[in-house]
């Protein structure tokens, strides 16, 4: 396979410095591709801080509209004609589409019109979110659209085996695994802060129960509340403090339910790393993740993680060794798993040590290399005949 630098167009409705798992992943992939000598054109909506920023050869900006219920995130405006004009002048070798909104759809249509190979990524389970926002009847239609969208691409990259199996069951084709990595130097137990813990009202032997993520309905936060209450009841003589890092529409409700919890808001970089490392136990009750980057970040920070046996947790937690798992949707099993970690100090100590050792080996370099290989494979003659290929007759979009 050729090793010549590629010209890659990456299309996404979210990108750093926005804070979410998709933006984090794409930022890492883009940084890694550029470090390997590839030419990257990023196509995304303008963010709030750059309304007057002009587009350039490396950055093509579009208009965006706020996503209801998701402050700070946007749908990108369709830009088919703009993309056709730009790509006719500077044709990319391959297009990677990370989001399936209007901008992603217009990129798919423009690339197919120009017979440029398209690779897509399945980053977010939007079809699962609908039930949490009063649109449950749209779930089937949205799944159908997502299947149609991704099946018109050369391949779709998914972050976990459980996600791959679920999508295959629903008729998605040509799925390839692209896992996620973690910056194990940033997220490290050495970042533990006695000062931060004192601010939380904790001494060395007290337990900081941490949750990091968006505070929203799809994150199954009712179980977070129930789990913490169960831990408090099981350990009435131990000092337990719930620490929530992140923000979202459920924050006000959670503050009413958890008046003694510490709400730390959004954290970035070193501050986020210090919050992770200053915790002890990490509760991750979400059932809507395609991966769940926070699981690896918590492990790298040396926390004992409690999660459901799916996505990142299924790949990176060995039950009873480097964390604890519950069967998907088994809420009583989740609570029991958390209680087991705190039942014996050795259980938590061992899980934390083993979690760090495992996560320290999950760097981004191998993930970026795999991503590059998959993008190159979309250019191979053997791929002709697949949707988006250069050797097939395409109807006009």
Protein backbone atom coordinates (compact mmCIF):
# COMPACT_ATOMS: atom_id res chain seq x y z
CA UNK A 1 0.00 0.00 0.00
CA UNK A 2 1.29 3.48 -0.87
CA UNK A 3 2.76 5.63 1.88
CA UNK A 4 2.41 8.94 0.02
CA UNK A 5 0.70 11.71 2.02
CA UNK A 6 -3.07 11.82 1.63
CA UNK A 7 -5.31 14.81 1.07
CA UNK A 8 -8.18 14.24 3.51
CA UNK A 9 -11.38 16.24 3.98
CA UNK A 10 -12.84 15.76 7.46
CA UNK A 11 -16.45 16.85 7.96
CA UNK A 12 -17.92 17.31 11.42
CA UNK A 13 -20.47 19.47 13.19
CA UNK A 14 -18.33 19.49 16.36
CA UNK A 15 -14.63 19.97 16.99
CA UNK A 16 -12.33 21.22 19.78
CA UNK A 17 -12.44 23.38 21.79
CA UNK A 18 -16.03 22.14 22.13
CA UNK A 19 -16.21 19.59 24.94
CA UNK A 20 -17.69 16.21 24.06
CA UNK A 21 -16.43 12.77 23.12
CA UNK A 22 -16.80 13.29 19.37
CA UNK A 23 -14.85 16.55 19.40
CA UNK A 24 -12.12 15.00 21.55
CA UNK A 25 -11.77 12.00 19.24
CA UNK A 26 -11.70 14.07 16.06
CA UNK A 27 -9.19 16.49 17.54
CA UNK A 28 -6.85 13.60 18.34
CA UNK A 29 -7.29 12.00 14.91
CA UNK A 30 -6.72 15.29 13.09
CA UNK A 31 -3.63 16.07 15.14
CA UNK A 32 -2.25 12.59 14.51
CA UNK A 33 -2.88 12.70 10.76
CA UNK A 34 -1.13 16.06 10.42
CA UNK A 35 1.81 14.77 12.46
CA UNK A 36 2.10 11.88 9.98
CA UNK A 37 2.39 14.35 7.07
CA UNK A 38 -1.13 14.22 5.65
CA UNK A 39 -2.93 17.29 4.28
CA UNK A 40 -6.15 17.87 6.15
CA UNK A 41 -9.09 20.11 5.28
CA UNK A 42 -11.54 20.48 8.15
CA UNK A 43 -15.14 21.33 7.23
CA UNK A 44 -17.30 22.40 10.18
CA UNK A 45 -19.69 25.13 11.42
CA UNK A 46 -18.32 28.34 12.85
CA UNK A 47 -18.16 28.27 16.62
CA UNK A 48 -19.41 31.08 18.87
CA UNK A 49 -15.97 32.64 19.29
CA UNK A 50 -15.15 32.87 15.57
CA UNK A 51 -18.13 34.41 13.80
CA UNK A 52 -15.85 36.69 11.77
CA UNK A 53 -13.17 34.10 11.05
CA UNK A 54 -12.65 33.54 7.32
CA UNK A 55 -12.36 30.13 5.70
CA UNK A 56 -9.01 28.94 4.39
CA UNK A 57 -7.58 26.07 2.38
CA UNK A 58 -7.25 24.01 5.59
CA UNK A 59 -10.49 25.15 7.26
CA UNK A 60 -13.81 25.52 5.46
CA UNK A 61 -16.40 27.11 7.76
CA UNK A 62 -20.18 26.97 7.35
CA UNK A 63 -23.14 28.39 9.20
CA UNK A 64 -24.66 26.43 12.05
CA UNK A 65 -27.87 26.26 14.08
CA UNK A 66 -28.09 25.37 17.79
CA UNK A 67 -29.06 21.78 18.61
CA UNK A 68 -32.16 21.89 20.90
CA UNK A 69 -31.25 20.75 24.39
CA UNK A 70 -27.54 20.87 23.65
CA UNK A 71 -26.18 24.37 24.35
CA UNK A 72 -22.88 24.94 22.58
CA UNK A 73 -23.48 22.32 19.88
CA UNK A 74 -24.71 23.01 16.36
CA UNK A 75 -26.12 21.46 13.24
CA UNK A 76 -24.02 22.46 10.27
CA UNK A 77 -25.78 24.09 7.35
CA UNK A 78 -25.88 22.06 4.13
CA UNK A 79 -22.99 23.16 1.90
CA UNK A 80 -23.16 20.93 -1.17
CA UNK A 81 -22.51 23.65 -3.75
CA UNK A 82 -19.69 25.17 -1.72
CA UNK A 83 -18.06 21.75 -1.32
CA UNK A 84 -18.44 20.95 -5.02
CA UNK A 85 -16.75 24.23 -5.90
CA UNK A 86 -13.88 23.74 -3.46
CA UNK A 87 -13.33 20.05 -4.20
CA UNK A 88 -13.28 20.60 -7.95
CA UNK A 89 -10.39 23.02 -7.41
CA UNK A 90 -8.60 21.01 -4.71
CA UNK A 91 -9.84 17.46 -4.90
CA UNK A 92 -9.28 15.42 -1.71
CA UNK A 93 -8.20 11.79 -1.99
CA UNK A 94 -10.79 10.69 0.55
CA UNK A 95 -13.60 12.26 2.57
CA UNK A 96 -14.26 11.32 6.20
CA UNK A 97 -17.71 12.25 7.52
CA UNK A 98 -18.07 12.16 11.30
CA UNK A 99 -21.62 13.50 11.72
CA UNK A 100 -24.79 12.75 9.80
CA UNK A 101 -26.59 16.11 9.97
CA UNK A 102 -27.29 18.49 7.07
CA UNK A 103 -23.59 19.29 6.63
CA UNK A 104 -22.59 15.64 6.62
CA UNK A 105 -25.36 14.74 4.18
CA UNK A 106 -24.35 17.51 1.78
CA UNK A 107 -20.74 16.32 1.96
CA UNK A 108 -21.82 12.78 1.15
CA UNK A 109 -23.76 13.97 -1.88
CA UNK A 110 -20.95 16.23 -3.10
CA UNK A 111 -18.34 13.49 -2.74
CA UNK A 112 -20.49 10.95 -4.56
CA UNK A 113 -21.14 13.45 -7.34
CA UNK A 114 -17.36 13.86 -7.77
CA UNK A 115 -16.70 10.14 -7.20
CA UNK A 116 -14.46 10.77 -4.22
CA UNK A 117 -14.29 7.80 -1.80
CA UNK A 118 -16.24 8.39 1.41
CA UNK A 119 -15.55 6.86 4.81
CA UNK A 120 -17.96 7.62 7.64
CA UNK A 121 -17.78 7.30 11.40
CA UNK A 122 -20.59 6.24 13.71
CA UNK A 123 -19.82 8.46 16.70
CA UNK A 124 -23.17 9.07 18.40
CA UNK A 125 -26.27 6.96 19.09
CA UNK A 126 -28.72 9.69 18.13
CA UNK A 127 -31.44 7.08 17.55
CA UNK A 128 -31.27 6.21 21.27
CA UNK A 129 -31.47 9.84 22.37
CA UNK A 130 -34.93 10.37 20.87
CA UNK A 131 -36.71 8.45 23.62
CA UNK A 132 -35.23 10.75 26.28
CA UNK A 133 -36.45 13.93 24.59
CA UNK A 134 -40.04 12.98 23.82
CA UNK A 135 -39.43 11.79 20.26
CA UNK A 136 -39.48 8.02 20.79
CA UNK A 137 -41.69 7.46 17.74
CA UNK A 138 -38.93 8.89 15.53
CA UNK A 139 -36.37 6.27 16.61
CA UNK A 140 -37.21 3.84 13.80
CA UNK A 141 -37.18 6.56 11.14
CA UNK A 142 -33.88 7.93 12.44
CA UNK A 143 -32.33 4.46 12.45
CA UNK A 144 -33.47 4.04 8.86
CA UNK A 145 -31.88 7.32 7.85
CA UNK A 146 -28.61 6.48 9.58
CA UNK A 147 -28.52 3.06 7.90
CA UNK A 148 -29.17 4.65 4.50
CA UNK A 149 -26.49 7.28 5.12
CA UNK A 150 -23.73 4.93 6.25
CA UNK A 151 -24.49 2.22 3.70
CA UNK A 152 -23.76 4.73 0.93
CA UNK A 153 -20.16 5.05 2.16
CA UNK A 154 -17.17 2.85 1.38
CA UNK A 155 -17.08 1.83 5.03
CA UNK A 156 -18.27 3.00 8.44
CA UNK A 157 -15.90 3.10 11.39
CA UNK A 158 -17.31 2.12 14.78
CA UNK A 159 -15.54 2.43 18.13
CA UNK A 160 -16.51 -0.81 19.88
CA UNK A 161 -17.32 -4.45 19.18
CA UNK A 162 -20.71 -4.16 20.88
CA UNK A 163 -21.58 -1.21 18.63
CA UNK A 164 -20.42 -3.11 15.56
CA UNK A 165 -22.60 -6.11 16.43
CA UNK A 166 -25.65 -3.94 17.16
CA UNK A 167 -25.36 -2.06 13.88
CA UNK A 168 -24.81 -5.26 11.89
CA UNK A 169 -28.01 -6.61 13.42
CA UNK A 170 -29.81 -3.50 12.15
CA UNK A 171 -28.56 -3.87 8.57
CA UNK A 172 -25.53 -1.57 8.54
CA UNK A 173 -22.89 -2.81 6.10
CA UNK A 174 -19.08 -2.66 5.76
CA UNK A 175 -18.34 -1.85 9.39
CA UNK A 176 -14.74 -1.56 10.55
CA UNK A 177 -13.49 -1.21 14.10
CA UNK A 178 -11.60 1.94 15.07
CA UNK A 179 -11.12 2.01 18.82
CA UNK A 180 -10.27 5.04 20.94
CA UNK A 181 -7.15 5.95 22.85
CA UNK A 182 -6.28 8.02 25.89
CA UNK A 183 -3.56 10.51 26.74
CA UNK A 184 -2.07 8.59 29.67
CA UNK A 185 0.41 11.38 30.41
CA UNK A 186 -2.32 13.97 30.86
CA UNK A 187 -4.66 11.62 32.72
CA UNK A 188 -2.35 10.24 35.39
CA UNK A 189 -2.61 9.44 39.14
CA UNK A 190 0.26 11.84 39.78
CA UNK A 191 -2.20 14.71 39.12
CA UNK A 192 -4.02 13.92 42.39
CA UNK A 193 -4.52 17.16 44.32
CA UNK A 194 -4.71 17.26 48.12
CA UNK A 195 -5.84 20.87 47.86
CA UNK A 196 -8.72 19.96 45.55
CA UNK A 197 -9.81 17.13 47.84
CA UNK A 198 -9.70 19.42 50.86
CA UNK A 199 -11.94 21.81 48.96
CA UNK A 200 -14.38 18.91 48.59
CA UNK A 201 -14.21 18.37 52.36
CA UNK A 202 -12.30 15.10 52.11
CA UNK A 203 -9.37 13.64 54.00
CA UNK A 204 -6.96 11.03 52.63
CA UNK A 205 -9.07 8.03 53.68
CA UNK A 206 -12.39 9.48 52.52
CA UNK A 207 -13.94 8.42 49.20
CA UNK A 208 -14.59 10.80 46.31
CA UNK A 209 -17.23 9.22 44.06
CA UNK A 210 -16.74 10.84 40.67
CA UNK A 211 -18.87 11.24 37.56
CA UNK A 212 -17.62 13.07 34.46
CA UNK A 213 -19.88 13.78 31.51
CA UNK A 214 -22.81 15.68 30.13
CA UNK A 215 -25.62 16.09 32.65
CA UNK A 216 -28.50 15.06 30.41
CA UNK A 217 -31.38 12.59 30.31
CA UNK A 218 -29.69 10.13 27.94
CA UNK A 219 -26.87 9.56 30.47
CA UNK A 220 -29.10 7.54 32.84
CA UNK A 221 -28.31 9.81 35.78
CA UNK A 222 -31.17 8.51 37.90
CA UNK A 223 -29.04 5.42 38.44
CA UNK A 224 -26.12 7.64 39.46
CA UNK A 225 -28.28 9.10 42.24
CA UNK A 226 -29.57 5.68 43.34
CA UNK A 227 -26.08 4.17 43.34
CA UNK A 228 -24.61 6.93 45.46
CA UNK A 229 -27.48 6.73 47.95
CA UNK A 230 -26.98 2.95 48.20
CA UNK A 231 -23.25 3.42 48.86
CA UNK A 232 -24.01 5.95 51.60
CA UNK A 233 -26.48 3.55 53.23
CA UNK A 234 -24.01 0.66 53.07
CA UNK A 235 -21.17 2.75 54.59
CA UNK A 236 -22.74 5.09 57.15
CA UNK A 237 -19.45 5.60 59.00
CA UNK A 238 -17.36 6.44 55.96
CA UNK A 239 -17.17 9.89 54.42
CA UNK A 240 -18.41 9.65 50.80
CA UNK A 241 -18.65 12.72 48.57
CA UNK A 242 -20.24 12.75 45.12
CA UNK A 243 -18.34 14.91 42.62
CA UNK A 244 -19.93 15.78 39.27
CA UNK A 245 -17.80 17.27 36.50
CA UNK A 246 -19.70 18.56 33.47
CA UNK A 247 -22.82 20.52 32.68
CA UNK A 248 -26.11 20.10 30.87
CA UNK A 249 -29.89 20.49 31.05
CA UNK A 250 -30.27 18.02 33.97
CA UNK A 251 -27.98 19.96 36.29
CA UNK A 252 -30.70 21.93 38.09
CA UNK A 253 -32.74 18.79 38.74
CA UNK A 254 -29.69 16.92 40.02
CA UNK A 255 -28.77 19.77 42.34
CA UNK A 256 -32.22 19.47 43.92
CA UNK A 257 -31.87 15.70 44.31
CA UNK A 258 -28.25 15.89 45.50
CA UNK A 259 -27.92 19.03 47.61
CA UNK A 260 -24.70 17.78 49.21
CA UNK A 261 -22.96 16.87 45.92
CA UNK A 262 -20.18 19.01 44.48
CA UNK A 263 -21.00 20.34 40.99
CA UNK A 264 -17.72 21.40 39.39
CA UNK A 265 -18.97 22.39 35.92
CA UNK A 266 -16.98 21.95 32.74
CA UNK A 267 -13.27 21.30 33.20
CA UNK A 268 -10.53 21.11 30.58
CA UNK A 269 -6.93 19.99 30.25
CA UNK A 270 -4.88 19.92 33.45
CA UNK A 271 -7.84 20.97 35.60
CA UNK A 272 -9.89 18.04 34.27
CA UNK A 273 -6.96 15.68 34.85
CA UNK A 274 -6.66 16.88 38.46
CA UNK A 275 -10.39 16.30 39.06
CA UNK A 276 -10.13 12.75 37.72
CA UNK A 277 -7.00 11.88 39.70
CA UNK A 278 -8.42 13.34 42.90
CA UNK A 279 -11.31 10.88 42.81
CA UNK A 280 -11.40 7.27 43.99
CA UNK A 281 -14.47 5.60 42.52
CA UNK A 282 -15.95 6.41 39.09
CA UNK A 283 -19.62 5.73 38.36
CA UNK A 284 -20.62 5.56 34.68
CA UNK A 285 -24.29 4.51 34.35
CA UNK A 286 -24.82 5.53 30.70
CA UNK A 287 -26.37 3.04 28.29
CA UNK A 288 -26.31 5.33 25.23
CA UNK A 289 -22.58 5.46 24.43
CA UNK A 290 -20.94 4.36 21.20
CA UNK A 291 -17.71 4.24 23.21
CA UNK A 292 -17.39 6.42 26.32
CA UNK A 293 -13.99 8.13 26.34
CA UNK A 294 -14.39 9.00 30.01
CA UNK A 295 -14.01 5.33 30.96
CA UNK A 296 -10.44 5.23 29.64
CA UNK A 297 -9.69 8.66 31.10
CA UNK A 298 -10.86 7.49 34.53
CA UNK A 299 -8.82 4.29 34.26
CA UNK A 300 -5.71 6.19 33.20
CA UNK A 301 -6.23 8.43 36.24
CA UNK A 302 -6.22 5.39 38.50
CA UNK A 303 -9.91 5.17 39.44
CA UNK A 304 -12.03 2.14 40.17
CA UNK A 305 -14.67 2.25 37.42
CA UNK A 306 -18.23 0.91 37.65
CA UNK A 307 -19.99 0.60 34.28
CA UNK A 308 -22.28 -1.53 32.18
CA UNK A 309 -20.71 -4.32 30.13
CA UNK A 310 -20.76 -2.56 26.77
CA UNK A 311 -18.80 -0.10 24.61
CA UNK A 312 -15.49 1.05 26.15
CA UNK A 313 -16.12 -0.71 29.45
CA UNK A 314 -16.60 -4.08 27.75
CA UNK A 315 -13.29 -3.66 25.91
CA UNK A 316 -11.19 -2.20 28.69
CA UNK A 317 -12.48 -3.48 32.01
CA UNK A 318 -11.78 -6.97 33.24
CA UNK A 319 -14.49 -7.56 35.84
CA UNK A 320 -13.16 -7.71 39.36
CA UNK A 321 -9.62 -6.96 38.17
CA UNK A 322 -9.45 -3.50 36.58
CA UNK A 323 -12.96 -2.36 37.48
CA UNK A 324 -16.42 -3.86 37.79
CA UNK A 325 -19.19 -4.45 35.27
CA UNK A 326 -22.92 -5.05 35.31
CA UNK A 327 -25.04 -6.58 32.57
CA UNK A 328 -26.44 -3.93 30.23
CA UNK A 329 -29.52 -2.44 31.86
CA UNK A 330 -29.14 -4.40 35.13
CA UNK A 331 -29.44 -1.49 37.55
CA UNK A 332 -29.37 -3.62 40.69
CA UNK A 333 -26.28 -5.34 39.32
CA UNK A 334 -24.68 -1.93 38.77
CA UNK A 335 -25.37 -0.90 42.37
CA UNK A 336 -24.08 -4.25 43.65
CA UNK A 337 -20.90 -3.84 41.61
CA UNK A 338 -20.26 -0.42 43.15
CA UNK A 339 -20.88 -1.81 46.62
CA UNK A 340 -18.43 -4.66 45.99
CA UNK A 341 -15.66 -2.20 45.15
CA UNK A 342 -16.11 -0.43 48.48
CA UNK A 343 -16.78 -3.56 50.56
CA UNK A 344 -13.05 -4.18 50.99
CA UNK A 345 -10.26 -1.62 50.68
CA UNK A 346 -8.18 -4.16 48.77
CA UNK A 347 -10.88 -4.50 46.09
CA UNK A 348 -10.65 -0.80 45.26
CA UNK A 349 -6.86 -0.59 45.61
CA UNK A 350 -6.32 -3.50 43.21
CA UNK A 351 -8.87 -2.25 40.67
CA UNK A 352 -7.28 1.20 40.63
CA UNK A 353 -3.77 -0.13 40.13
CA UNK A 354 -4.78 -2.54 37.36
CA UNK A 355 -6.91 0.10 35.62
CA UNK A 356 -3.94 2.45 35.38
CA UNK A 357 -1.64 -0.28 34.08
CA UNK A 358 -4.11 -1.20 31.35
CA UNK A 359 -4.99 2.33 30.27
CA UNK A 360 -1.34 3.37 30.09
CA UNK A 361 -1.02 1.04 27.09
CA UNK A 362 -3.97 2.52 25.16
CA UNK A 363 -2.27 5.46 23.45
CA UNK A 364 -3.53 7.35 20.40
CA UNK A 365 -0.59 6.58 18.10
CA UNK A 366 -1.82 3.09 17.21
CA UNK A 367 -5.38 4.41 16.73
CA UNK A 368 -4.21 7.11 14.30
CA UNK A 369 -2.14 4.55 12.37
CA UNK A 370 -5.18 2.28 12.08
CA UNK A 371 -7.29 5.25 10.94
CA UNK A 372 -4.74 6.07 8.23
CA UNK A 373 -4.73 2.44 7.04
CA UNK A 374 -8.52 2.39 6.79
CA UNK A 375 -8.58 5.66 4.83
CA UNK A 376 -5.96 4.26 2.44
CA UNK A 377 -7.92 1.05 1.99
CA UNK A 378 -10.86 3.12 0.69
CA UNK A 379 -8.66 4.09 -2.27
CA UNK A 380 -7.81 0.54 -3.33
CA UNK A 381 -9.10 -0.69 -6.72
CA UNK A 382 -10.69 -3.64 -4.94
CA UNK A 383 -13.05 -1.18 -3.30
CA UNK A 384 -14.54 -0.23 -6.69
CA UNK A 385 -18.10 -1.33 -6.91
CA UNK A 386 -18.86 -0.25 -3.35
CA UNK A 387 -20.99 2.82 -2.68
CA UNK A 388 -18.98 5.98 -3.19
CA UNK A 389 -16.42 4.12 -5.31
CA UNK A 390 -14.68 5.58 -8.32
CA UNK A 391 -15.46 2.66 -10.59
CA UNK A 392 -19.25 2.55 -10.48
CA UNK A 393 -22.00 4.47 -12.19
CA UNK A 394 -23.68 6.85 -9.78
CA UNK A 395 -27.07 8.39 -10.22
CA UNK A 396 -27.21 12.15 -9.68
CA UNK A 397 -27.95 13.12 -6.07
